[in-house]
Amino acid sequence: MKTQTKKFLKSLEQKNMMKMLLPLDIQFFSDKTIYELKQAMATIGQQLKKVEGELSAKAIDPAASIEDIQAQQKSKEDLQARFNVIKQQHDELEAEQKAHFDQQAAMKQATIGNIDDPQQKVIAAKASLIRSTMRGKIIDTDVRAALGDDSASGGGKFLPKTVSQDVILAPLAKNPLRGHSAVTQIPNLELPRLAFTLDDDDFIADMATAKELKAKGETVEFTRNKFKVFAGVSETVINGSDANLVGHVENALKSGVAAKEKKVSFTTTPKSGEEHMSFYSTENGIIKVTGSNTYKAIKNAIADLHEDYRENAKIIMSYKDYSDIIEDLANGNATLYTAQPEQVLGKPVIFVDAATKPIVGDLSYSHFNYDIGETFERDKDIKTGIEQFVVTAYFDHRIKLASAFRIADVVPGP
């Protein structure tokens, strides 16, 4: 009897060690494990009852020695202790299984369709979309419906509108042009270079504009230029709250989108096919206006703009260039350091460190457009082990009229 009990307990110890290594769904919620514990309780319980009977018989038997009675008593205590250990484990497993089933039931009840708060419904739907993508699962139709996905697309490849708009159309501080340049999300977009025309085009007083319209045509056609944005997501974040997951992923995507917009707009060495997106590209042909220093070059560029563009013009420049201007103009006068940039230069200033040379112009003629063909997928960074939520987007940046801009270039005098 003792040999069988020892074998059983040794087996049970091995199972307990394995239990620590198994996934949660196997570790805690295996019906077979609970069944085995029930069987063990019944077996040891019967043995305990038998030993108790034998102990009572020996206690009243005058022929039984005190050593036999003590040995029987020890056997009973041993079996009782083992029974208590198994029962405790059984009760804990049963309680954990019940809690798991209760949680599953609650999750089924708390479906997206049953959430009344519109904001919470969108957050829950976004979180579900991200988790489904990261785990390679199909995105439920109620998730897409909550995010405003266009049913005409079939829901198979388009990023739902709510996610797309939040990532792409929301104003972003990290791209200083946002809020000044136009941003749309329209497929196959074509726009007139000028907002209005008359039946007699002689009304265009700016000859540079007239020549540009003749050379480039009266419409701007936006193209689809693909780029990917990667949002690193750890397992902890995926399994965290919906709000934290959505906030983490959207912030990463927004930062990536903003960085891409800023990069293509101010690069001096654009990639093949992206030349038209940069203010500094020779393809756009923005006129350079010179001055003996940065301050004079900016003033000359403002004056060189036609009045139609000068009125709404803004200056895009690096903070370093502006600091150099203030240092030159102040000449020891501290009051100039507290003046607003517009008071110093005469036009609102947008600071962009990537602006290698100041740009002056009407930013309503700078236009970002995103095609609605965004797709999402998952990837894994082999080096770090971090999962990536990936958005593939298609966008274009067009300078609708180069005549609306000037580049301030410093050419030191003799």
Protein backbone atom coordinates (compact mmCIF):
# COMPACT_ATOMS: atom_id res chain seq x y z
CA MET A 1 0.00 0.00 0.00
CA LYS A 2 2.76 2.43 0.98
CA THR A 3 4.69 1.63 -2.22
CA GLN A 4 1.65 2.43 -4.40
CA THR A 5 1.04 5.66 -2.51
CA LYS A 6 4.66 6.74 -2.95
CA LYS A 7 4.49 6.01 -6.69
CA PHE A 8 1.31 8.02 -7.02
CA LEU A 9 2.70 11.01 -5.09
CA LYS A 10 5.91 10.94 -7.11
CA SER A 11 3.83 11.01 -10.28
CA LEU A 12 1.80 13.87 -8.83
CA GLU A 13 4.96 15.85 -8.04
CA GLN A 14 6.12 15.44 -11.64
CA LYS A 15 2.76 16.70 -12.86
CA ASN A 16 3.03 19.69 -10.55
CA MET A 17 6.45 20.52 -11.96
CA MET A 18 5.09 20.25 -15.50
CA LYS A 19 2.16 22.38 -14.46
CA MET A 20 4.49 25.32 -13.92
CA LEU A 21 5.78 25.09 -17.48
CA LEU A 22 2.55 24.52 -19.35
CA PRO A 23 0.54 27.31 -21.01
CA LEU A 24 -2.23 28.76 -18.90
CA ASP A 25 -5.02 27.11 -20.80
CA ILE A 26 -3.46 23.67 -20.18
CA GLN A 27 -2.00 24.44 -16.79
CA PHE A 28 -5.21 25.49 -15.14
CA PHE A 29 -8.12 24.32 -17.18
CA SER A 30 -7.64 20.67 -18.04
CA ASP A 31 -10.67 18.55 -17.21
CA LYS A 32 -8.46 15.49 -17.23
CA THR A 33 -6.24 16.86 -14.44
CA ILE A 34 -9.23 17.59 -12.21
CA TYR A 35 -10.64 14.14 -12.97
CA GLU A 36 -7.36 12.48 -12.00
CA LEU A 37 -7.29 14.41 -8.72
CA LYS A 38 -10.86 13.29 -7.98
CA GLN A 39 -9.84 9.69 -8.60
CA ALA A 40 -6.80 10.09 -6.34
CA MET A 41 -8.94 11.58 -3.59
CA ALA A 42 -11.34 8.63 -3.82
CA THR A 43 -8.50 6.07 -3.76
CA ILE A 44 -6.68 7.60 -0.80
CA GLY A 45 -9.98 8.28 0.96
CA GLN A 46 -10.89 4.59 0.78
CA GLN A 47 -7.43 3.63 1.99
CA LEU A 48 -7.68 6.13 4.84
CA LYS A 49 -11.03 4.71 5.88
CA LYS A 50 -9.56 1.22 5.86
CA VAL A 51 -6.55 2.28 7.98
CA GLU A 52 -8.84 4.04 10.46
CA GLY A 53 -10.82 0.81 10.87
CA GLU A 54 -7.63 -1.20 11.38
CA LEU A 55 -6.39 1.36 13.92
CA SER A 56 -9.62 1.07 15.92
CA ALA A 57 -9.36 -2.73 15.86
CA LYS A 58 -5.76 -2.70 17.09
CA ALA A 59 -6.56 -0.16 19.80
CA ILE A 60 -9.12 -2.52 21.40
CA ASP A 61 -7.03 -5.68 20.81
CA PRO A 62 -5.09 -6.54 24.02
CA ALA A 63 -2.68 -8.64 21.97
CA ALA A 64 -1.60 -5.68 19.80
CA SER A 65 1.63 -4.08 20.89
CA ILE A 66 1.92 -0.33 21.42
CA GLU A 67 4.45 -0.22 18.56
CA ASP A 68 1.84 -1.70 16.15
CA ILE A 69 -0.75 0.85 17.28
CA GLN A 70 1.74 3.73 16.85
CA ALA A 71 2.72 2.49 13.38
CA GLN A 72 -0.95 2.30 12.38
CA GLN A 73 -1.50 5.78 13.81
CA LYS A 74 1.47 7.09 11.77
CA SER A 75 0.08 5.47 8.63
CA LYS A 76 -3.28 7.16 9.21
CA GLU A 77 -1.66 10.60 9.71
CA ASP A 78 0.44 10.13 6.56
CA LEU A 79 -2.59 9.25 4.43
CA GLN A 80 -4.62 12.12 5.92
CA ALA A 81 -1.88 14.63 5.10
CA ARG A 82 -1.63 13.37 1.53
CA PHE A 83 -5.40 13.44 1.14
CA ASN A 84 -5.44 17.07 2.32
CA VAL A 85 -2.74 18.11 -0.18
CA ILE A 86 -4.58 16.53 -3.13
CA LYS A 87 -7.91 18.01 -2.03
CA GLN A 88 -6.39 21.49 -1.80
CA GLN A 89 -4.98 21.22 -5.31
CA HIS A 90 -8.29 19.89 -6.59
CA ASP A 91 -10.24 22.75 -5.03
CA GLU A 92 -7.83 25.37 -6.40
CA LEU A 93 -7.99 23.95 -9.92
CA GLU A 94 -11.76 23.75 -9.80
CA ALA A 95 -12.02 27.36 -8.62
CA GLU A 96 -9.64 28.55 -11.36
CA GLN A 97 -11.57 26.64 -14.00
CA LYS A 98 -14.81 28.24 -12.85
CA ALA A 99 -13.22 31.71 -12.96
CA HIS A 100 -11.98 31.01 -16.50
CA PHE A 101 -15.42 29.97 -17.68
CA ASP A 102 -16.98 33.02 -16.00
CA GLN A 103 -14.47 35.26 -17.76
CA GLN A 104 -15.19 33.66 -21.12
CA ALA A 105 -18.90 34.17 -20.59
CA ALA A 106 -18.33 37.81 -19.68
CA MET A 107 -16.19 38.33 -22.79
CA LYS A 108 -18.90 36.87 -24.99
CA GLN A 109 -21.43 39.21 -23.45
CA ALA A 110 -19.15 42.23 -23.81
CA THR A 111 -19.03 42.08 -27.61
CA ILE A 112 -18.44 45.25 -29.58
CA GLY A 113 -22.06 45.32 -30.63
CA ASN A 114 -23.15 45.48 -26.99
CA ILE A 115 -20.96 48.49 -26.09
CA ASP A 116 -23.15 51.59 -25.88
CA ASP A 117 -20.46 54.28 -25.59
CA PRO A 118 -19.42 55.16 -29.19
CA GLN A 119 -15.89 56.13 -28.15
CA GLN A 120 -15.36 52.93 -26.19
CA LYS A 121 -16.79 50.92 -29.08
CA VAL A 122 -14.24 52.41 -31.49
CA ILE A 123 -11.35 51.78 -29.08
CA ALA A 124 -12.47 48.18 -28.57
CA ALA A 125 -12.82 47.69 -32.33
CA LYS A 126 -9.37 49.15 -33.03
CA ALA A 127 -7.84 46.91 -30.37
CA SER A 128 -9.58 43.89 -31.89
CA LEU A 129 -8.32 44.81 -35.36
CA ILE A 130 -4.73 45.14 -34.11
CA ARG A 131 -4.83 41.89 -32.10
CA SER A 132 -6.44 39.97 -34.97
CA THR A 133 -3.80 41.25 -37.38
CA MET A 134 -0.93 40.42 -35.01
CA ARG A 135 -2.29 36.91 -34.45
CA GLY A 136 -3.10 36.23 -38.10
CA LYS A 137 -6.84 35.95 -37.50
CA ILE A 138 -9.71 37.12 -39.66
CA ILE A 139 -11.11 40.50 -38.61
CA ASP A 140 -14.74 40.19 -37.56
CA THR A 141 -17.38 42.03 -39.56
CA ASP A 142 -18.69 43.79 -36.43
CA VAL A 143 -15.19 45.21 -35.89
CA ARG A 144 -15.08 46.61 -39.41
CA ALA A 145 -18.60 47.95 -39.06
CA ALA A 146 -17.69 49.76 -35.84
CA LEU A 147 -14.70 51.34 -37.61
CA GLY A 148 -16.78 52.49 -40.57
CA ASP A 149 -15.21 50.26 -43.20
CA ASP A 150 -16.76 50.64 -46.62
CA SER A 151 -18.81 47.54 -47.36
CA ALA A 152 -18.32 48.20 -51.06
CA SER A 153 -14.66 47.26 -50.67
CA GLY A 154 -15.60 43.84 -49.42
CA GLY A 155 -13.65 44.55 -46.25
CA GLY A 156 -10.77 42.49 -47.54
CA LYS A 157 -7.95 44.93 -48.14
CA PHE A 158 -8.84 48.46 -47.10
CA LEU A 159 -7.86 49.89 -43.76
CA PRO A 160 -11.14 50.82 -42.04
CA LYS A 161 -11.91 54.52 -42.35
CA THR A 162 -11.74 55.37 -38.66
CA VAL A 163 -8.26 53.94 -38.20
CA SER A 164 -7.08 55.43 -41.48
CA GLN A 165 -8.38 58.90 -40.67
CA ASP A 166 -6.98 58.88 -37.16
CA VAL A 167 -3.55 57.88 -38.42
CA ILE A 168 -3.41 59.94 -41.60
CA LEU A 169 -5.77 62.91 -41.33
CA ALA A 170 -5.34 63.80 -37.66
CA PRO A 171 -3.16 66.92 -37.19
CA LEU A 172 0.33 65.91 -36.12
CA ALA A 173 2.75 68.17 -34.27
CA LYS A 174 5.71 66.17 -35.56
CA ASN A 175 5.12 67.33 -39.13
CA PRO A 176 5.08 71.13 -38.84
CA LEU A 177 3.42 71.48 -42.24
CA ARG A 178 0.24 69.88 -40.88
CA GLY A 179 -2.39 72.55 -40.38
CA HIS A 180 -0.83 74.64 -43.16
CA SER A 181 -0.59 72.33 -46.17
CA ALA A 182 -3.76 70.70 -47.47
CA VAL A 183 -4.33 67.04 -46.52
CA THR A 184 -6.91 64.80 -48.18
CA GLN A 185 -7.68 61.11 -48.56
CA ILE A 186 -9.18 60.75 -52.00
CA PRO A 187 -8.36 58.03 -54.57
CA ASN A 188 -7.15 59.10 -58.01
CA LEU A 189 -7.26 62.75 -56.99
CA GLU A 190 -7.04 65.47 -59.65
CA LEU A 191 -7.13 69.15 -58.74
CA PRO A 192 -6.93 72.43 -60.67
CA ARG A 193 -3.69 74.29 -60.10
CA LEU A 194 -5.67 77.46 -59.46
CA ALA A 195 -8.74 77.51 -57.25
CA PHE A 196 -10.71 79.49 -59.84
CA THR A 197 -10.42 80.60 -63.46
CA LEU A 198 -12.20 83.08 -65.70
CA ASP A 199 -13.25 82.80 -69.30
CA ASP A 200 -10.41 85.18 -70.16
CA ASP A 201 -7.06 83.96 -68.81
CA ASP A 202 -5.53 87.42 -69.26
CA PHE A 203 -6.62 88.05 -65.64
CA ILE A 204 -3.49 86.19 -64.43
CA ALA A 205 -1.22 89.10 -63.63
CA ASP A 206 1.72 86.96 -62.52
CA MET A 207 3.48 85.98 -65.73
CA ALA A 208 5.39 83.19 -63.96
CA THR A 209 2.07 81.58 -63.04
CA ALA A 210 0.76 81.94 -66.58
CA LYS A 211 3.90 80.30 -67.98
CA GLU A 212 3.69 77.49 -65.42
CA LEU A 213 0.07 76.75 -66.27
CA LYS A 214 0.97 76.64 -69.93
CA ALA A 215 3.94 74.33 -69.30
CA LYS A 216 2.41 71.97 -66.73
CA GLY A 217 -1.28 72.10 -67.59
CA GLU A 218 -4.19 73.37 -65.53
CA THR A 219 -4.68 70.20 -63.44
CA VAL A 220 -2.53 68.33 -60.93
CA GLU A 221 -2.74 64.54 -60.94
CA PHE A 222 -1.79 62.77 -57.70
CA THR A 223 -0.01 59.43 -57.91
CA ARG A 224 0.28 56.45 -55.53
CA ASN A 225 3.67 56.17 -53.83
CA LYS A 226 3.95 53.24 -51.45
CA PHE A 227 5.59 53.35 -48.04
CA LYS A 228 5.40 51.24 -44.90
CA VAL A 229 5.07 52.30 -41.28
CA PHE A 230 6.10 49.85 -38.55
CA ALA A 231 4.72 49.98 -35.02
CA GLY A 232 6.62 47.73 -32.61
CA VAL A 233 4.27 45.92 -30.23
CA SER A 234 5.39 43.69 -27.37
CA GLU A 235 3.34 40.79 -26.06
CA THR A 236 2.71 42.78 -22.87
CA VAL A 237 1.13 45.63 -24.84
CA ILE A 238 -0.96 43.25 -26.97
CA ASN A 239 -2.39 41.63 -23.84
CA GLY A 240 -2.83 44.96 -22.06
CA SER A 241 -5.87 47.21 -22.01
CA ASP A 242 -7.58 48.25 -25.24
CA ALA A 243 -6.84 51.93 -24.60
CA ASN A 244 -3.11 51.36 -24.02
CA LEU A 245 -2.80 49.08 -27.06
CA VAL A 246 -4.62 51.47 -29.40
CA GLY A 247 -2.78 54.51 -28.04
CA HIS A 248 0.63 52.85 -28.42
CA VAL A 249 0.04 51.67 -31.99
CA GLU A 250 -1.62 54.88 -33.23
CA ASN A 251 1.12 57.09 -31.78
CA ALA A 252 3.77 54.99 -33.49
CA LEU A 253 1.91 55.04 -36.82
CA LYS A 254 1.24 58.78 -36.65
CA SER A 255 4.88 59.47 -35.90
CA GLY A 256 5.93 57.31 -38.84
CA VAL A 257 3.50 58.99 -41.23
CA ALA A 258 4.62 62.45 -40.09
CA ALA A 259 8.30 61.56 -40.44
CA LYS A 260 7.72 60.30 -43.99
CA GLU A 261 5.82 63.45 -45.00
CA LYS A 262 8.54 65.71 -43.62
CA LYS A 263 11.35 63.69 -45.16
CA VAL A 264 10.01 63.72 -48.73
CA SER A 265 9.07 67.41 -48.52
CA PHE A 266 12.51 68.70 -47.54
CA THR A 267 15.03 66.18 -48.84
CA THR A 268 17.73 67.49 -51.13
CA THR A 269 18.36 64.00 -52.52
CA PRO A 270 14.91 62.54 -53.27
CA LYS A 271 14.43 58.91 -54.21
CA SER A 272 13.61 57.98 -57.78
CA GLY A 273 9.93 58.69 -58.39
CA GLU A 274 9.67 61.05 -55.41
CA GLU A 275 11.48 64.04 -56.94
CA HIS A 276 8.29 66.07 -57.35
CA MET A 277 7.53 65.90 -53.60
CA SER A 278 10.47 68.01 -52.42
CA PHE A 279 10.48 71.80 -52.29
CA TYR A 280 14.18 71.68 -53.18
CA SER A 281 13.83 69.44 -56.23
CA THR A 282 14.79 70.98 -59.57
CA GLU A 283 11.77 69.16 -61.02
CA ASN A 284 9.46 71.62 -59.27
CA GLY A 285 11.52 74.58 -60.42
CA ILE A 286 10.92 76.85 -57.42
CA ILE A 287 12.80 80.10 -58.00
CA LYS A 288 15.77 80.91 -55.76
CA VAL A 289 16.05 84.49 -54.52
CA THR A 290 19.41 85.53 -53.12
CA GLY A 291 20.65 87.89 -50.43
CA SER A 292 23.92 88.65 -48.71
CA ASN A 293 22.65 86.99 -45.52
CA THR A 294 19.68 84.87 -44.48
CA TYR A 295 17.62 87.85 -43.29
CA LYS A 296 18.03 89.77 -46.55
CA ALA A 297 17.46 86.63 -48.63
CA ILE A 298 14.11 86.02 -46.85
CA LYS A 299 13.07 89.66 -47.24
CA ASN A 300 13.95 89.57 -50.94
CA ALA A 301 12.04 86.27 -51.38
CA ILE A 302 8.91 87.74 -49.79
CA ALA A 303 9.14 90.80 -52.02
CA ASP A 304 9.66 88.63 -55.11
CA LEU A 305 6.38 86.77 -54.59
CA HIS A 306 3.39 88.02 -56.51
CA GLU A 307 0.90 89.80 -54.28
CA ASP A 308 -1.64 86.99 -54.80
CA TYR A 309 0.71 84.66 -52.90
CA ARG A 310 2.50 87.18 -50.68
CA GLU A 311 -0.57 87.98 -48.63
CA ASN A 312 -0.90 84.41 -47.28
CA ALA A 313 2.80 83.57 -47.36
CA LYS A 314 4.59 81.81 -44.51
CA ILE A 315 8.28 81.20 -43.92
CA ILE A 316 9.60 77.67 -43.40
CA MET A 317 13.07 77.66 -41.88
CA SER A 318 15.28 75.93 -39.35
CA TYR A 319 15.46 77.29 -35.84
CA LYS A 320 19.24 77.58 -36.20
CA ASP A 321 18.88 79.96 -39.16
CA TYR A 322 16.39 82.04 -37.19
CA SER A 323 18.71 82.16 -34.16
CA ASP A 324 21.53 83.39 -36.39
CA ILE A 325 19.29 86.15 -37.74
CA ILE A 326 18.34 87.27 -34.23
CA GLU A 327 21.97 87.27 -33.15
CA ASP A 328 22.96 89.42 -36.15
CA LEU A 329 20.05 91.85 -35.77
CA ALA A 330 20.11 92.15 -31.99
CA ASN A 331 23.69 93.41 -31.79
CA GLY A 332 23.55 93.28 -28.01
CA ASN A 333 19.89 94.36 -27.75
CA ALA A 334 18.16 91.71 -25.62
CA THR A 335 14.61 92.89 -26.44
CA LEU A 336 14.79 91.38 -29.93
CA TYR A 337 15.18 87.89 -28.44
CA THR A 338 11.68 88.11 -26.92
CA ALA A 339 9.99 89.33 -30.11
CA GLN A 340 7.71 87.01 -32.06
CA PRO A 341 9.27 85.64 -35.29
CA GLU A 342 6.48 87.27 -37.33
CA GLN A 343 7.42 90.67 -35.87
CA VAL A 344 11.02 90.15 -36.90
CA LEU A 345 10.53 88.75 -40.42
CA GLY A 346 7.13 90.15 -41.32
CA LYS A 347 5.47 86.77 -41.99
CA PRO A 348 4.46 83.77 -39.80
CA VAL A 349 7.34 81.35 -39.30
CA ILE A 350 7.18 77.53 -39.27
CA PHE A 351 10.26 75.92 -37.78
CA VAL A 352 11.47 72.78 -39.53
CA ASP A 353 15.03 71.65 -38.86
CA ALA A 354 15.03 69.74 -42.16
CA ALA A 355 14.64 73.01 -44.10
CA THR A 356 18.24 73.48 -45.25
CA LYS A 357 17.30 76.78 -46.91
CA PRO A 358 14.34 78.97 -45.94
CA ILE A 359 11.23 78.54 -48.08
CA VAL A 360 8.72 81.38 -48.47
CA GLY A 361 5.29 80.84 -49.96
CA ASP A 362 1.58 80.16 -49.76
CA LEU A 363 1.25 76.67 -48.27
CA SER A 364 -2.27 76.19 -49.58
CA TYR A 365 -0.45 75.19 -52.77
CA SER A 366 1.28 72.35 -50.91
CA HIS A 367 -1.00 69.31 -50.88
CA PHE A 368 -0.70 65.84 -49.33
CA ASN A 369 -3.10 63.16 -50.56
CA TYR A 370 -3.49 59.59 -49.33
CA ASP A 371 -5.03 56.92 -51.49
CA ILE A 372 -7.52 54.67 -49.69
CA GLY A 373 -5.57 51.52 -50.49
CA GLU A 374 -3.88 51.19 -47.10
CA THR A 375 -3.34 47.62 -45.99
CA PHE A 376 -2.18 46.18 -42.70
CA GLU A 377 -0.16 43.12 -41.79
CA ARG A 378 2.27 41.82 -39.20
CA ASP A 379 6.00 41.26 -39.20
CA LYS A 380 8.63 40.33 -36.64
CA ASP A 381 11.92 41.99 -35.81
CA ILE A 382 14.26 39.00 -35.60
CA LYS A 383 16.90 40.99 -33.70
CA THR A 384 14.64 42.16 -30.88
CA GLY A 385 11.81 39.63 -31.06
CA ILE A 386 9.28 42.47 -31.10
CA GLU A 387 6.20 41.98 -33.26
CA GLN A 388 5.46 44.73 -35.78
CA PHE A 389 2.02 46.05 -36.73
CA VAL A 390 2.62 47.26 -40.29
CA VAL A 391 0.57 49.71 -42.33
CA THR A 392 1.30 50.03 -46.03
CA ALA A 393 0.05 53.41 -47.22
CA TYR A 394 0.03 55.20 -50.55
CA PHE A 395 0.43 58.95 -50.64
CA ASP A 396 1.66 61.86 -52.72
CA HIS A 397 2.86 65.39 -52.05
CA ARG A 398 2.32 67.88 -54.81
CA ILE A 399 3.39 71.49 -55.05
CA LYS A 400 0.50 72.66 -57.16
CA LEU A 401 2.15 75.93 -58.17
CA ALA A 402 5.89 76.51 -57.91
CA SER A 403 5.14 80.16 -58.58
CA ALA A 404 3.60 80.38 -55.10
CA PHE A 405 6.99 79.70 -53.47
CA ARG A 406 10.50 81.07 -53.32
CA ILE A 407 13.71 79.62 -51.85
CA ALA A 408 15.86 82.12 -49.92
CA ASP A 409 19.50 81.48 -50.81
CA VAL A 410 22.47 83.23 -49.28
CA VAL A 411 25.09 84.53 -51.71
CA PRO A 412 27.67 86.62 -49.85
CA GLY A 413 28.53 89.88 -51.54
CA PRO A 414 31.98 90.90 -52.65
